[in-house]
mmCIF file of all heavy atoms, coordinates in Angstrom:
data_MODEL
# 
_entry.id   MODEL 
# 
loop_
_atom_site.group_PDB 
_atom_site.id 
_atom_site.type_symbol 
_atom_site.label_atom_id 
_atom_site.label_alt_id 
_atom_site.label_comp_id 
_atom_site.label_asym_id 
_atom_site.label_entity_id 
_atom_site.label_seq_id 
_atom_site.pdbx_PDB_ins_code 
_atom_site.Cartn_x 
_atom_site.Cartn_y 
_atom_site.Cartn_z 
_atom_site.occupancy 
_atom_site.B_iso_or_equiv 
_atom_site.pdbx_formal_charge 
_atom_site.auth_seq_id 
_atom_site.auth_comp_id 
_atom_site.auth_asym_id 
_atom_site.auth_atom_id 
_atom_site.pdbx_PDB_model_num 
ATOM 1   N N   . GLU A 1 1  ? 120.672 -130.419 -29.702 1.00 0.00 ? 1  GLU A N   1 
ATOM 2   C CA  . GLU A 1 1  ? 121.630 -129.885 -28.695 1.00 0.00 ? 1  GLU A CA  1 
ATOM 3   C C   . GLU A 1 1  ? 123.125 -130.032 -29.219 1.00 0.00 ? 1  GLU A C   1 
ATOM 4   O O   . GLU A 1 1  ? 123.980 -130.103 -28.486 1.00 0.00 ? 1  GLU A O   1 
ATOM 5   C CB  . GLU A 1 1  ? 121.483 -130.681 -27.418 1.00 0.00 ? 1  GLU A CB  1 
ATOM 6   C CG  . GLU A 1 1  ? 120.033 -130.490 -26.852 1.00 0.00 ? 1  GLU A CG  1 
ATOM 7   C CD  . GLU A 1 1  ? 119.800 -129.089 -26.237 1.00 0.00 ? 1  GLU A CD  1 
ATOM 8   O OE1 . GLU A 1 1  ? 120.712 -128.392 -25.974 1.00 0.00 ? 1  GLU A OE1 1 
ATOM 9   O OE2 . GLU A 1 1  ? 118.577 -128.669 -26.467 1.00 0.00 ? 1  GLU A OE2 1 
ATOM 10  N N   . LYS A 1 2  ? 123.276 -130.173 -30.569 1.00 0.00 ? 2  LYS A N   1 
ATOM 11  C CA  . LYS A 1 2  ? 124.520 -130.418 -31.207 1.00 0.00 ? 2  LYS A CA  1 
ATOM 12  C C   . LYS A 1 2  ? 125.541 -129.359 -30.903 1.00 0.00 ? 2  LYS A C   1 
ATOM 13  O O   . LYS A 1 2  ? 125.155 -128.172 -30.474 1.00 0.00 ? 2  LYS A O   1 
ATOM 14  C CB  . LYS A 1 2  ? 124.418 -130.661 -32.740 1.00 0.00 ? 2  LYS A CB  1 
ATOM 15  C CG  . LYS A 1 2  ? 123.926 -129.341 -33.342 1.00 0.00 ? 2  LYS A CG  1 
ATOM 16  C CD  . LYS A 1 2  ? 123.820 -129.604 -34.886 1.00 0.00 ? 2  LYS A CD  1 
ATOM 17  C CE  . LYS A 1 2  ? 123.082 -128.339 -35.572 1.00 0.00 ? 2  LYS A CE  1 
ATOM 18  N NZ  . LYS A 1 2  ? 121.762 -128.056 -35.015 1.00 0.00 ? 2  LYS A NZ  1 
ATOM 19  N N   . PHE A 1 3  ? 126.837 -129.639 -30.867 1.00 0.00 ? 3  PHE A N   1 
ATOM 20  C CA  . PHE A 1 3  ? 127.847 -128.810 -30.832 1.00 0.00 ? 3  PHE A CA  1 
ATOM 21  C C   . PHE A 1 3  ? 129.065 -129.079 -31.725 1.00 0.00 ? 3  PHE A C   1 
ATOM 22  O O   . PHE A 1 3  ? 129.091 -130.427 -32.143 1.00 0.00 ? 3  PHE A O   1 
ATOM 23  C CB  . PHE A 1 3  ? 128.302 -128.489 -29.448 1.00 0.00 ? 3  PHE A CB  1 
ATOM 24  C CG  . PHE A 1 3  ? 128.641 -129.728 -28.672 1.00 0.00 ? 3  PHE A CG  1 
ATOM 25  C CD1 . PHE A 1 3  ? 129.888 -130.429 -28.665 1.00 0.00 ? 3  PHE A CD1 1 
ATOM 26  C CD2 . PHE A 1 3  ? 127.595 -130.364 -27.848 1.00 0.00 ? 3  PHE A CD2 1 
ATOM 27  C CE1 . PHE A 1 3  ? 130.120 -131.596 -28.042 1.00 0.00 ? 3  PHE A CE1 1 
ATOM 28  C CE2 . PHE A 1 3  ? 127.860 -131.428 -27.192 1.00 0.00 ? 3  PHE A CE2 1 
ATOM 29  C CZ  . PHE A 1 3  ? 129.111 -132.153 -27.255 1.00 0.00 ? 3  PHE A CZ  1 
ATOM 30  N N   . GLU A 1 4  ? 129.982 -128.379 -32.087 1.00 0.00 ? 4  GLU A N   1 
ATOM 31  C CA  . GLU A 1 4  ? 131.040 -128.566 -32.953 1.00 0.00 ? 4  GLU A CA  1 
ATOM 32  C C   . GLU A 1 4  ? 131.918 -129.698 -32.317 1.00 0.00 ? 4  GLU A C   1 
ATOM 33  O O   . GLU A 1 4  ? 132.197 -129.663 -31.069 1.00 0.00 ? 4  GLU A O   1 
ATOM 34  C CB  . GLU A 1 4  ? 131.935 -127.467 -33.197 1.00 0.00 ? 4  GLU A CB  1 
ATOM 35  C CG  . GLU A 1 4  ? 131.226 -126.512 -34.232 1.00 0.00 ? 4  GLU A CG  1 
ATOM 36  C CD  . GLU A 1 4  ? 132.152 -125.417 -34.674 1.00 0.00 ? 4  GLU A CD  1 
ATOM 37  O OE1 . GLU A 1 4  ? 133.344 -125.301 -34.304 1.00 0.00 ? 4  GLU A OE1 1 
ATOM 38  O OE2 . GLU A 1 4  ? 131.672 -124.597 -35.574 1.00 0.00 ? 4  GLU A OE2 1 
ATOM 39  N N   . ASN A 1 5  ? 132.446 -130.564 -33.022 1.00 0.00 ? 5  ASN A N   1 
ATOM 40  C CA  . ASN A 1 5  ? 133.412 -131.738 -32.559 1.00 0.00 ? 5  ASN A CA  1 
ATOM 41  C C   . ASN A 1 5  ? 132.764 -132.621 -31.613 1.00 0.00 ? 5  ASN A C   1 
ATOM 42  O O   . ASN A 1 5  ? 133.318 -133.333 -30.814 1.00 0.00 ? 5  ASN A O   1 
ATOM 43  C CB  . ASN A 1 5  ? 134.644 -131.019 -31.966 1.00 0.00 ? 5  ASN A CB  1 
ATOM 44  C CG  . ASN A 1 5  ? 135.403 -130.125 -32.950 1.00 0.00 ? 5  ASN A CG  1 
ATOM 45  O OD1 . ASN A 1 5  ? 135.522 -130.533 -34.061 1.00 0.00 ? 5  ASN A OD1 1 
ATOM 46  N ND2 . ASN A 1 5  ? 135.930 -129.065 -32.533 1.00 0.00 ? 5  ASN A ND2 1 
ATOM 47  N N   . MET A 1 6  ? 131.381 -132.774 -31.829 1.00 0.00 ? 6  MET A N   1 
ATOM 48  C CA  . MET A 1 6  ? 130.612 -133.832 -30.997 1.00 0.00 ? 6  MET A CA  1 
ATOM 49  C C   . MET A 1 6  ? 131.047 -135.155 -31.559 1.00 0.00 ? 6  MET A C   1 
ATOM 50  O O   . MET A 1 6  ? 131.151 -135.436 -32.775 1.00 0.00 ? 6  MET A O   1 
ATOM 51  C CB  . MET A 1 6  ? 129.026 -133.512 -31.165 1.00 0.00 ? 6  MET A CB  1 
ATOM 52  C CG  . MET A 1 6  ? 128.301 -134.635 -30.575 1.00 0.00 ? 6  MET A CG  1 
ATOM 53  S SD  . MET A 1 6  ? 126.542 -134.381 -30.993 1.00 0.00 ? 6  MET A SD  1 
ATOM 54  C CE  . MET A 1 6  ? 126.050 -133.415 -29.651 1.00 0.00 ? 6  MET A CE  1 
ATOM 55  N N   . VAL A 1 7  ? 131.318 -136.065 -30.656 1.00 0.00 ? 7  VAL A N   1 
ATOM 56  C CA  . VAL A 1 7  ? 131.656 -137.504 -30.971 1.00 0.00 ? 7  VAL A CA  1 
ATOM 57  C C   . VAL A 1 7  ? 130.720 -138.354 -30.263 1.00 0.00 ? 7  VAL A C   1 
ATOM 58  O O   . VAL A 1 7  ? 130.551 -138.235 -29.173 1.00 0.00 ? 7  VAL A O   1 
ATOM 59  C CB  . VAL A 1 7  ? 133.202 -137.868 -30.572 1.00 0.00 ? 7  VAL A CB  1 
ATOM 60  C CG1 . VAL A 1 7  ? 133.463 -139.311 -30.943 1.00 0.00 ? 7  VAL A CG1 1 
ATOM 61  C CG2 . VAL A 1 7  ? 134.112 -136.883 -31.268 1.00 0.00 ? 7  VAL A CG2 1 
ATOM 62  N N   . ILE A 1 8  ? 129.957 -139.207 -31.197 1.00 0.00 ? 8  ILE A N   1 
ATOM 63  C CA  . ILE A 1 8  ? 129.061 -140.234 -30.651 1.00 0.00 ? 8  ILE A CA  1 
ATOM 64  C C   . ILE A 1 8  ? 129.511 -141.449 -31.036 1.00 0.00 ? 8  ILE A C   1 
ATOM 65  O O   . ILE A 1 8  ? 129.638 -141.833 -32.246 1.00 0.00 ? 8  ILE A O   1 
ATOM 66  C CB  . ILE A 1 8  ? 127.620 -139.968 -31.134 1.00 0.00 ? 8  ILE A CB  1 
ATOM 67  C CG1 . ILE A 1 8  ? 127.139 -138.497 -30.793 1.00 0.00 ? 8  ILE A CG1 1 
ATOM 68  C CG2 . ILE A 1 8  ? 126.654 -141.062 -30.693 1.00 0.00 ? 8  ILE A CG2 1 
ATOM 69  C CD1 . ILE A 1 8  ? 125.883 -137.996 -31.534 1.00 0.00 ? 8  ILE A CD1 1 
ATOM 70  N N   . CYS A 1 9  ? 129.717 -142.435 -30.220 1.00 0.00 ? 9  CYS A N   1 
ATOM 71  C CA  . CYS A 1 9  ? 130.261 -143.814 -30.233 1.00 0.00 ? 9  CYS A CA  1 
ATOM 72  C C   . CYS A 1 9  ? 128.984 -144.763 -30.172 1.00 0.00 ? 9  CYS A C   1 
ATOM 73  O O   . CYS A 1 9  ? 128.475 -144.810 -29.138 1.00 0.00 ? 9  CYS A O   1 
ATOM 74  C CB  . CYS A 1 9  ? 131.356 -144.025 -29.348 1.00 0.00 ? 9  CYS A CB  1 
ATOM 75  S SG  . CYS A 1 9  ? 132.820 -142.915 -29.357 1.00 0.00 ? 9  CYS A SG  1 
ATOM 76  N N   . LEU A 1 10 ? 128.873 -145.537 -31.220 1.00 0.00 ? 10 LEU A N   1 
ATOM 77  C CA  . LEU A 1 10 ? 127.808 -146.428 -31.172 1.00 0.00 ? 10 LEU A CA  1 
ATOM 78  C C   . LEU A 1 10 ? 128.261 -147.866 -31.158 1.00 0.00 ? 10 LEU A C   1 
ATOM 79  O O   . LEU A 1 10 ? 129.185 -148.209 -31.875 1.00 0.00 ? 10 LEU A O   1 
ATOM 80  C CB  . LEU A 1 10 ? 126.794 -146.221 -32.395 1.00 0.00 ? 10 LEU A CB  1 
ATOM 81  C CG  . LEU A 1 10 ? 126.336 -144.898 -32.687 1.00 0.00 ? 10 LEU A CG  1 
ATOM 82  C CD1 . LEU A 1 10 ? 125.508 -144.770 -33.920 1.00 0.00 ? 10 LEU A CD1 1 
ATOM 83  C CD2 . LEU A 1 10 ? 125.528 -144.325 -31.526 1.00 0.00 ? 10 LEU A CD2 1 
ATOM 84  N N   . ASP A 1 11 ? 127.669 -148.646 -30.414 1.00 0.00 ? 11 ASP A N   1 
ATOM 85  C CA  . ASP A 1 11 ? 127.932 -150.226 -30.265 1.00 0.00 ? 11 ASP A CA  1 
ATOM 86  C C   . ASP A 1 11 ? 126.669 -151.134 -30.147 1.00 0.00 ? 11 ASP A C   1 
ATOM 87  O O   . ASP A 1 11 ? 125.719 -150.531 -29.689 1.00 0.00 ? 11 ASP A O   1 
ATOM 88  C CB  . ASP A 1 11 ? 128.952 -150.413 -29.204 1.00 0.00 ? 11 ASP A CB  1 
ATOM 89  C CG  . ASP A 1 11 ? 130.410 -150.058 -29.527 1.00 0.00 ? 11 ASP A CG  1 
ATOM 90  O OD1 . ASP A 1 11 ? 130.967 -150.731 -30.472 1.00 0.00 ? 11 ASP A OD1 1 
ATOM 91  O OD2 . ASP A 1 11 ? 130.962 -149.207 -28.817 1.00 0.00 ? 11 ASP A OD2 1 
ATOM 92  N N   . GLY A 1 12 ? 126.795 -152.236 -30.659 1.00 0.00 ? 12 GLY A N   1 
ATOM 93  C CA  . GLY A 1 12 ? 125.604 -153.126 -30.566 1.00 0.00 ? 12 GLY A CA  1 
ATOM 94  C C   . GLY A 1 12 ? 125.628 -154.025 -31.717 1.00 0.00 ? 12 GLY A C   1 
ATOM 95  O O   . GLY A 1 12 ? 126.431 -153.886 -32.709 1.00 0.00 ? 12 GLY A O   1 
ATOM 96  N N   . GLU A 1 13 ? 125.018 -155.166 -31.630 1.00 0.00 ? 13 GLU A N   1 
ATOM 97  C CA  . GLU A 1 13 ? 125.170 -156.168 -32.581 1.00 0.00 ? 13 GLU A CA  1 
ATOM 98  C C   . GLU A 1 13 ? 124.449 -155.747 -34.027 1.00 0.00 ? 13 GLU A C   1 
ATOM 99  O O   . GLU A 1 13 ? 124.023 -154.668 -34.058 1.00 0.00 ? 13 GLU A O   1 
ATOM 100 C CB  . GLU A 1 13 ? 124.454 -157.538 -32.081 1.00 0.00 ? 13 GLU A CB  1 
ATOM 101 C CG  . GLU A 1 13 ? 122.885 -157.360 -31.967 1.00 0.00 ? 13 GLU A CG  1 
ATOM 102 C CD  . GLU A 1 13 ? 122.273 -158.577 -31.416 1.00 0.00 ? 13 GLU A CD  1 
ATOM 103 O OE1 . GLU A 1 13 ? 122.386 -158.717 -30.163 1.00 0.00 ? 13 GLU A OE1 1 
ATOM 104 O OE2 . GLU A 1 13 ? 121.674 -159.276 -32.118 1.00 0.00 ? 13 GLU A OE2 1 
ATOM 105 N N   . LEU A 1 14 ? 124.922 -156.408 -34.938 1.00 0.00 ? 14 LEU A N   1 
ATOM 106 C CA  . LEU A 1 14 ? 124.347 -156.154 -36.238 1.00 0.00 ? 14 LEU A CA  1 
ATOM 107 C C   . LEU A 1 14 ? 122.962 -156.058 -36.340 1.00 0.00 ? 14 LEU A C   1 
ATOM 108 O O   . LEU A 1 14 ? 122.231 -156.821 -35.665 1.00 0.00 ? 14 LEU A O   1 
ATOM 109 C CB  . LEU A 1 14 ? 124.852 -157.317 -37.250 1.00 0.00 ? 14 LEU A CB  1 
ATOM 110 C CG  . LEU A 1 14 ? 124.842 -156.981 -38.775 1.00 0.00 ? 14 LEU A CG  1 
ATOM 111 C CD1 . LEU A 1 14 ? 125.624 -155.923 -39.145 1.00 0.00 ? 14 LEU A CD1 1 
ATOM 112 C CD2 . LEU A 1 14 ? 125.092 -158.315 -39.545 1.00 0.00 ? 14 LEU A CD2 1 
ATOM 113 N N   . GLY A 1 15 ? 122.462 -155.010 -36.918 1.00 0.00 ? 15 GLY A N   1 
ATOM 114 C CA  . GLY A 1 15 ? 120.949 -154.811 -36.968 1.00 0.00 ? 15 GLY A CA  1 
ATOM 115 C C   . GLY A 1 15 ? 120.255 -154.205 -35.796 1.00 0.00 ? 15 GLY A C   1 
ATOM 116 O O   . GLY A 1 15 ? 119.115 -154.161 -35.628 1.00 0.00 ? 15 GLY A O   1 
ATOM 117 N N   . SER A 1 16 ? 120.997 -153.767 -34.815 1.00 0.00 ? 16 SER A N   1 
ATOM 118 C CA  . SER A 1 16 ? 120.559 -153.252 -33.600 1.00 0.00 ? 16 SER A CA  1 
ATOM 119 C C   . SER A 1 16 ? 120.077 -151.838 -33.631 1.00 0.00 ? 16 SER A C   1 
ATOM 120 O O   . SER A 1 16 ? 119.310 -151.264 -32.478 1.00 0.00 ? 16 SER A O   1 
ATOM 121 C CB  . SER A 1 16 ? 121.584 -153.447 -32.498 1.00 0.00 ? 16 SER A CB  1 
ATOM 122 O OG  . SER A 1 16 ? 122.709 -152.657 -32.602 1.00 0.00 ? 16 SER A OG  1 
ATOM 123 N N   . GLY A 1 17 ? 120.373 -151.039 -34.673 1.00 0.00 ? 17 GLY A N   1 
ATOM 124 C CA  . GLY A 1 17 ? 119.822 -149.645 -34.784 1.00 0.00 ? 17 GLY A CA  1 
ATOM 125 C C   . GLY A 1 17 ? 120.966 -148.587 -34.949 1.00 0.00 ? 17 GLY A C   1 
ATOM 126 O O   . GLY A 1 17 ? 120.551 -147.372 -34.935 1.00 0.00 ? 17 GLY A O   1 
ATOM 127 N N   . LYS A 1 18 ? 122.195 -148.936 -34.966 1.00 0.00 ? 18 LYS A N   1 
ATOM 128 C CA  . LYS A 1 18 ? 123.329 -147.942 -35.088 1.00 0.00 ? 18 LYS A CA  1 
ATOM 129 C C   . LYS A 1 18 ? 123.111 -147.101 -36.341 1.00 0.00 ? 18 LYS A C   1 
ATOM 130 O O   . LYS A 1 18 ? 123.174 -145.765 -36.188 1.00 0.00 ? 18 LYS A O   1 
ATOM 131 C CB  . LYS A 1 18 ? 124.654 -148.600 -35.102 1.00 0.00 ? 18 LYS A CB  1 
ATOM 132 C CG  . LYS A 1 18 ? 124.942 -149.472 -33.988 1.00 0.00 ? 18 LYS A CG  1 
ATOM 133 C CD  . LYS A 1 18 ? 126.266 -150.130 -33.973 1.00 0.00 ? 18 LYS A CD  1 
ATOM 134 C CE  . LYS A 1 18 ? 126.521 -151.175 -35.090 1.00 0.00 ? 18 LYS A CE  1 
ATOM 135 N NZ  . LYS A 1 18 ? 125.572 -152.340 -34.970 1.00 0.00 ? 18 LYS A NZ  1 
ATOM 136 N N   . THR A 1 19 ? 122.913 -147.732 -37.467 1.00 0.00 ? 19 THR A N   1 
ATOM 137 C CA  . THR A 1 19 ? 122.771 -146.867 -38.616 1.00 0.00 ? 19 THR A CA  1 
ATOM 138 C C   . THR A 1 19 ? 121.400 -146.210 -38.788 1.00 0.00 ? 19 THR A C   1 
ATOM 139 O O   . THR A 1 19 ? 121.382 -144.984 -39.345 1.00 0.00 ? 19 THR A O   1 
ATOM 140 C CB  . THR A 1 19 ? 122.896 -147.830 -39.973 1.00 0.00 ? 19 THR A CB  1 
ATOM 141 O OG1 . THR A 1 19 ? 124.172 -148.373 -39.862 1.00 0.00 ? 19 THR A OG1 1 
ATOM 142 C CG2 . THR A 1 19 ? 122.819 -146.934 -41.213 1.00 0.00 ? 19 THR A CG2 1 
ATOM 143 N N   . VAL A 1 20 ? 120.302 -146.724 -38.148 1.00 0.00 ? 20 VAL A N   1 
ATOM 144 C CA  . VAL A 1 20 ? 119.137 -146.083 -38.006 1.00 0.00 ? 20 VAL A CA  1 
ATOM 145 C C   . VAL A 1 20 ? 119.358 -144.676 -37.232 1.00 0.00 ? 20 VAL A C   1 
ATOM 146 O O   . VAL A 1 20 ? 118.845 -143.740 -37.512 1.00 0.00 ? 20 VAL A O   1 
ATOM 147 C CB  . VAL A 1 20 ? 117.973 -146.940 -37.397 1.00 0.00 ? 20 VAL A CB  1 
ATOM 148 C CG1 . VAL A 1 20 ? 116.858 -146.077 -37.078 1.00 0.00 ? 20 VAL A CG1 1 
ATOM 149 C CG2 . VAL A 1 20 ? 117.727 -148.095 -38.342 1.00 0.00 ? 20 VAL A CG2 1 
ATOM 150 N N   . PHE A 1 21 ? 120.035 -144.855 -36.129 1.00 0.00 ? 21 PHE A N   1 
ATOM 151 C CA  . PHE A 1 21 ? 120.278 -143.654 -35.287 1.00 0.00 ? 21 PHE A CA  1 
ATOM 152 C C   . PHE A 1 21 ? 120.994 -142.596 -36.037 1.00 0.00 ? 21 PHE A C   1 
ATOM 153 O O   . PHE A 1 21 ? 120.686 -141.417 -36.099 1.00 0.00 ? 21 PHE A O   1 
ATOM 154 C CB  . PHE A 1 21 ? 121.159 -144.058 -34.095 1.00 0.00 ? 21 PHE A CB  1 
ATOM 155 C CG  . PHE A 1 21 ? 121.532 -142.891 -33.284 1.00 0.00 ? 21 PHE A CG  1 
ATOM 156 C CD1 . PHE A 1 21 ? 120.706 -142.543 -32.056 1.00 0.00 ? 21 PHE A CD1 1 
ATOM 157 C CD2 . PHE A 1 21 ? 122.725 -142.098 -33.442 1.00 0.00 ? 21 PHE A CD2 1 
ATOM 158 C CE1 . PHE A 1 21 ? 121.151 -141.426 -31.214 1.00 0.00 ? 21 PHE A CE1 1 
ATOM 159 C CE2 . PHE A 1 21 ? 123.091 -141.091 -32.577 1.00 0.00 ? 21 PHE A CE2 1 
ATOM 160 C CZ  . PHE A 1 21 ? 122.193 -140.767 -31.500 1.00 0.00 ? 21 PHE A CZ  1 
ATOM 161 N N   . THR A 1 22 ? 122.051 -143.000 -36.918 1.00 0.00 ? 22 THR A N   1 
ATOM 162 C CA  . THR A 1 22 ? 122.794 -142.060 -37.784 1.00 0.00 ? 22 THR A CA  1 
ATOM 163 C C   . THR A 1 22 ? 121.957 -141.420 -38.839 1.00 0.00 ? 22 THR A C   1 
ATOM 164 O O   . THR A 1 22 ? 121.905 -140.175 -39.021 1.00 0.00 ? 22 THR A O   1 
ATOM 165 C CB  . THR A 1 22 ? 123.908 -142.848 -38.441 1.00 0.00 ? 22 THR A CB  1 
ATOM 166 O OG1 . THR A 1 22 ? 124.796 -143.359 -37.389 1.00 0.00 ? 22 THR A OG1 1 
ATOM 167 C CG2 . THR A 1 22 ? 124.835 -141.782 -39.191 1.00 0.00 ? 22 THR A CG2 1 
ATOM 168 N N   . LYS A 1 23 ? 120.924 -142.186 -39.361 1.00 0.00 ? 23 LYS A N   1 
ATOM 169 C CA  . LYS A 1 23 ? 119.993 -141.598 -40.283 1.00 0.00 ? 23 LYS A CA  1 
ATOM 170 C C   . LYS A 1 23 ? 119.212 -140.537 -39.507 1.00 0.00 ? 23 LYS A C   1 
ATOM 171 O O   . LYS A 1 23 ? 118.944 -139.525 -40.305 1.00 0.00 ? 23 LYS A O   1 
ATOM 172 C CB  . LYS A 1 23 ? 119.136 -142.688 -40.858 1.00 0.00 ? 23 LYS A CB  1 
ATOM 173 C CG  . LYS A 1 23 ? 119.788 -143.673 -41.774 1.00 0.00 ? 23 LYS A CG  1 
ATOM 174 C CD  . LYS A 1 23 ? 118.824 -144.713 -42.245 1.00 0.00 ? 23 LYS A CD  1 
ATOM 175 C CE  . LYS A 1 23 ? 119.478 -145.610 -43.140 1.00 0.00 ? 23 LYS A CE  1 
ATOM 176 N NZ  . LYS A 1 23 ? 118.506 -146.771 -43.698 1.00 0.00 ? 23 LYS A NZ  1 
ATOM 177 N N   . GLY A 1 24 ? 118.777 -140.735 -38.388 1.00 0.00 ? 24 GLY A N   1 
ATOM 178 C CA  . GLY A 1 24 ? 117.961 -139.679 -37.708 1.00 0.00 ? 24 GLY A CA  1 
ATOM 179 C C   . GLY A 1 24 ? 118.763 -138.408 -37.513 1.00 0.00 ? 24 GLY A C   1 
ATOM 180 O O   . GLY A 1 24 ? 118.243 -137.305 -37.640 1.00 0.00 ? 24 GLY A O   1 
# 
């Protein structure tokens, strides 16, 4: 459902899945 200029802000402790989400 992406659109131009989409901003997704991720927070959570180290190893919680932020980079995994980005990989997806």
